[in-house]
């Protein structure tokens, strides 16, 4: 339940105010690679956490 609440909280967070400044300061190719990696981590971490929790619960039931 806490994990779902945190995901909802992050989904409703406002945009980063420093995004435009960092976009101008960074070399374009490096920023795109970093931003793409950060997006993938942002999309995948809830699923990885859910799988981890399910494995922990399943292993506890087998004991």
N, C-alpha and C. Protein backbone atom coordinates (compact mmCIF):
# COMPACT_ATOMS: atom_id res chain seq x y z
N UNK A 1 0.83 -1.18 0.00
CA UNK A 1 0.00 0.00 0.00
C UNK A 1 0.89 1.26 0.00
N UNK A 2 1.96 1.20 0.78
CA UNK A 2 2.88 2.35 0.82
C UNK A 2 3.56 2.55 -0.52
N UNK A 3 3.92 1.45 -1.19
CA UNK A 3 4.56 1.55 -2.49
C UNK A 3 3.63 2.21 -3.51
N UNK A 4 2.36 1.84 -3.48
CA UNK A 4 1.38 2.45 -4.39
C UNK A 4 1.21 3.93 -4.09
N UNK A 5 1.19 4.30 -2.83
CA UNK A 5 1.06 5.70 -2.47
C UNK A 5 2.27 6.51 -2.94
N UNK A 6 3.47 5.95 -2.81
CA UNK A 6 4.67 6.65 -3.26
C UNK A 6 4.69 6.81 -4.78
N UNK A 7 4.26 5.79 -5.50
CA UNK A 7 4.21 5.88 -6.96
C UNK A 7 3.21 6.97 -7.38
N UNK A 8 2.07 7.01 -6.73
CA UNK A 8 1.08 8.05 -7.04
C UNK A 8 1.61 9.44 -6.71
N UNK A 9 2.34 9.57 -5.62
CA UNK A 9 2.91 10.85 -5.23
C UNK A 9 3.94 11.33 -6.25
N UNK A 10 4.78 10.44 -6.72
CA UNK A 10 5.79 10.80 -7.71
C UNK A 10 5.13 11.15 -9.04
N UNK A 11 4.06 10.46 -9.39
CA UNK A 11 3.38 10.72 -10.66
C UNK A 11 2.74 12.11 -10.68
N UNK A 12 2.38 12.62 -9.52
CA UNK A 12 1.72 13.93 -9.45
C UNK A 12 2.68 15.06 -9.07
N UNK A 13 3.95 14.77 -8.99
CA UNK A 13 4.94 15.79 -8.64
C UNK A 13 5.10 16.79 -9.80
N UNK A 14 5.34 18.04 -9.49
CA UNK A 14 5.52 19.04 -10.55
C UNK A 14 6.85 18.82 -11.29
N UNK A 15 6.95 19.44 -12.44
CA UNK A 15 8.16 19.33 -13.26
C UNK A 15 9.33 20.00 -12.54
N UNK A 16 10.52 19.54 -12.84
CA UNK A 16 11.74 20.07 -12.24
C UNK A 16 11.99 21.49 -12.76
N UNK A 17 12.11 22.48 -11.89
CA UNK A 17 12.32 23.85 -12.36
C UNK A 17 13.70 24.08 -12.97
N UNK A 18 14.66 23.21 -12.70
CA UNK A 18 16.01 23.38 -13.22
C UNK A 18 16.23 22.59 -14.51
N UNK A 19 15.20 21.96 -15.03
CA UNK A 19 15.33 21.14 -16.23
C UNK A 19 15.79 21.97 -17.42
N UNK A 20 15.19 23.13 -17.64
CA UNK A 20 15.55 23.99 -18.77
C UNK A 20 16.97 24.49 -18.69
N UNK A 21 17.39 24.88 -17.50
CA UNK A 21 18.76 25.36 -17.34
C UNK A 21 19.78 24.26 -17.59
N UNK A 22 19.52 23.09 -17.06
CA UNK A 22 20.47 22.00 -17.26
C UNK A 22 20.49 21.55 -18.71
N UNK A 23 19.36 21.65 -19.38
CA UNK A 23 19.30 21.29 -20.79
C UNK A 23 20.18 22.23 -21.63
N UNK A 24 20.19 23.50 -21.29
CA UNK A 24 21.03 24.45 -22.03
C UNK A 24 22.51 24.27 -21.71
N UNK A 25 22.83 23.91 -20.49
CA UNK A 25 24.22 23.81 -20.07
C UNK A 25 24.89 22.52 -20.54
N UNK A 26 24.14 21.44 -20.64
CA UNK A 26 24.73 20.14 -20.99
C UNK A 26 24.93 20.01 -22.49
N UNK A 27 25.90 19.24 -22.82
CA UNK A 27 26.10 18.86 -24.22
C UNK A 27 24.91 17.98 -24.60
N UNK A 28 24.29 18.24 -25.72
CA UNK A 28 23.01 17.64 -26.06
C UNK A 28 23.04 16.10 -26.06
N UNK A 29 24.03 15.50 -26.62
CA UNK A 29 24.09 14.04 -26.69
C UNK A 29 24.20 13.39 -25.32
N UNK A 30 25.03 13.97 -24.48
CA UNK A 30 25.19 13.42 -23.12
C UNK A 30 23.91 13.53 -22.33
N UNK A 31 23.20 14.66 -22.48
CA UNK A 31 21.95 14.84 -21.73
C UNK A 31 20.90 13.84 -22.18
N UNK A 32 20.78 13.63 -23.47
CA UNK A 32 19.77 12.70 -23.98
C UNK A 32 20.05 11.30 -23.48
N UNK A 33 21.31 10.89 -23.46
CA UNK A 33 21.63 9.55 -22.96
C UNK A 33 21.31 9.43 -21.48
N UNK A 34 21.66 10.44 -20.69
CA UNK A 34 21.38 10.41 -19.26
C UNK A 34 19.88 10.45 -19.00
N UNK A 35 19.18 11.30 -19.72
CA UNK A 35 17.73 11.43 -19.53
C UNK A 35 17.02 10.14 -19.91
N UNK A 36 17.47 9.50 -20.96
CA UNK A 36 16.87 8.23 -21.37
C UNK A 36 17.09 7.14 -20.33
N UNK A 37 18.29 7.08 -19.77
CA UNK A 37 18.57 6.09 -18.72
C UNK A 37 17.73 6.38 -17.47
N UNK A 38 17.60 7.65 -17.12
CA UNK A 38 16.79 8.01 -15.96
C UNK A 38 15.32 7.68 -16.18
N UNK A 39 14.83 7.85 -17.39
CA UNK A 39 13.44 7.49 -17.69
C UNK A 39 13.22 5.99 -17.54
N UNK A 40 14.15 5.20 -18.04
CA UNK A 40 14.01 3.74 -17.93
C UNK A 40 14.00 3.31 -16.47
N UNK A 41 14.89 3.88 -15.67
CA UNK A 41 14.91 3.55 -14.24
C UNK A 41 13.59 3.96 -13.59
N UNK A 42 13.09 5.12 -13.96
CA UNK A 42 11.82 5.60 -13.41
C UNK A 42 10.65 4.72 -13.79
N UNK A 43 10.67 4.17 -14.99
CA UNK A 43 9.58 3.30 -15.43
C UNK A 43 9.68 1.91 -14.81
N UNK A 44 10.88 1.43 -14.58
CA UNK A 44 11.06 0.03 -14.16
C UNK A 44 11.11 -0.19 -12.66
N UNK A 45 11.50 0.81 -11.86
CA UNK A 45 11.70 0.54 -10.44
C UNK A 45 10.45 0.07 -9.73
N UNK A 46 9.23 0.54 -10.05
CA UNK A 46 8.08 0.01 -9.31
C UNK A 46 7.86 -1.49 -9.57
N UNK A 47 8.11 -1.92 -10.80
CA UNK A 47 7.93 -3.33 -11.12
C UNK A 47 9.00 -4.19 -10.46
N UNK A 48 10.23 -3.70 -10.43
CA UNK A 48 11.31 -4.43 -9.77
C UNK A 48 11.03 -4.54 -8.27
N UNK A 49 10.55 -3.48 -7.67
CA UNK A 49 10.23 -3.51 -6.24
C UNK A 49 9.08 -4.48 -5.97
N UNK A 50 8.08 -4.49 -6.83
CA UNK A 50 6.95 -5.41 -6.66
C UNK A 50 7.39 -6.86 -6.79
N UNK A 51 8.22 -7.16 -7.76
CA UNK A 51 8.72 -8.53 -7.93
C UNK A 51 9.55 -8.93 -6.71
N UNK A 52 10.38 -8.03 -6.23
CA UNK A 52 11.20 -8.31 -5.05
C UNK A 52 10.31 -8.63 -3.84
N UNK A 53 9.28 -7.82 -3.64
CA UNK A 53 8.39 -8.06 -2.51
C UNK A 53 7.64 -9.38 -2.65
N UNK A 54 7.20 -9.70 -3.85
CA UNK A 54 6.49 -10.97 -4.07
C UNK A 54 7.41 -12.16 -3.84
N UNK A 55 8.65 -12.07 -4.25
CA UNK A 55 9.61 -13.15 -4.01
C UNK A 55 9.85 -13.32 -2.52
N UNK A 56 9.98 -12.21 -1.80
CA UNK A 56 10.18 -12.29 -0.35
C UNK A 56 8.99 -12.94 0.35
N UNK A 57 7.79 -12.58 -0.06
CA UNK A 57 6.59 -13.16 0.55
C UNK A 57 6.49 -14.64 0.21
N UNK A 58 6.79 -14.99 -1.03
CA UNK A 58 6.73 -16.40 -1.45
C UNK A 58 7.76 -17.24 -0.71
N UNK A 59 8.94 -16.70 -0.49
CA UNK A 59 9.98 -17.47 0.21
C UNK A 59 9.63 -17.61 1.70
N UNK A 60 8.95 -16.64 2.25
CA UNK A 60 8.54 -16.71 3.65
C UNK A 60 7.44 -17.77 3.83
N UNK A 61 6.56 -17.92 2.83
CA UNK A 61 5.50 -18.92 2.90
C UNK A 61 6.04 -20.34 2.78
N UNK A 62 7.16 -20.51 2.06
CA UNK A 62 7.74 -21.84 1.86
C UNK A 62 8.49 -22.34 3.09
N UNK A 63 8.83 -21.49 4.00
CA UNK A 63 9.61 -21.90 5.17
C UNK A 63 8.78 -22.62 6.19
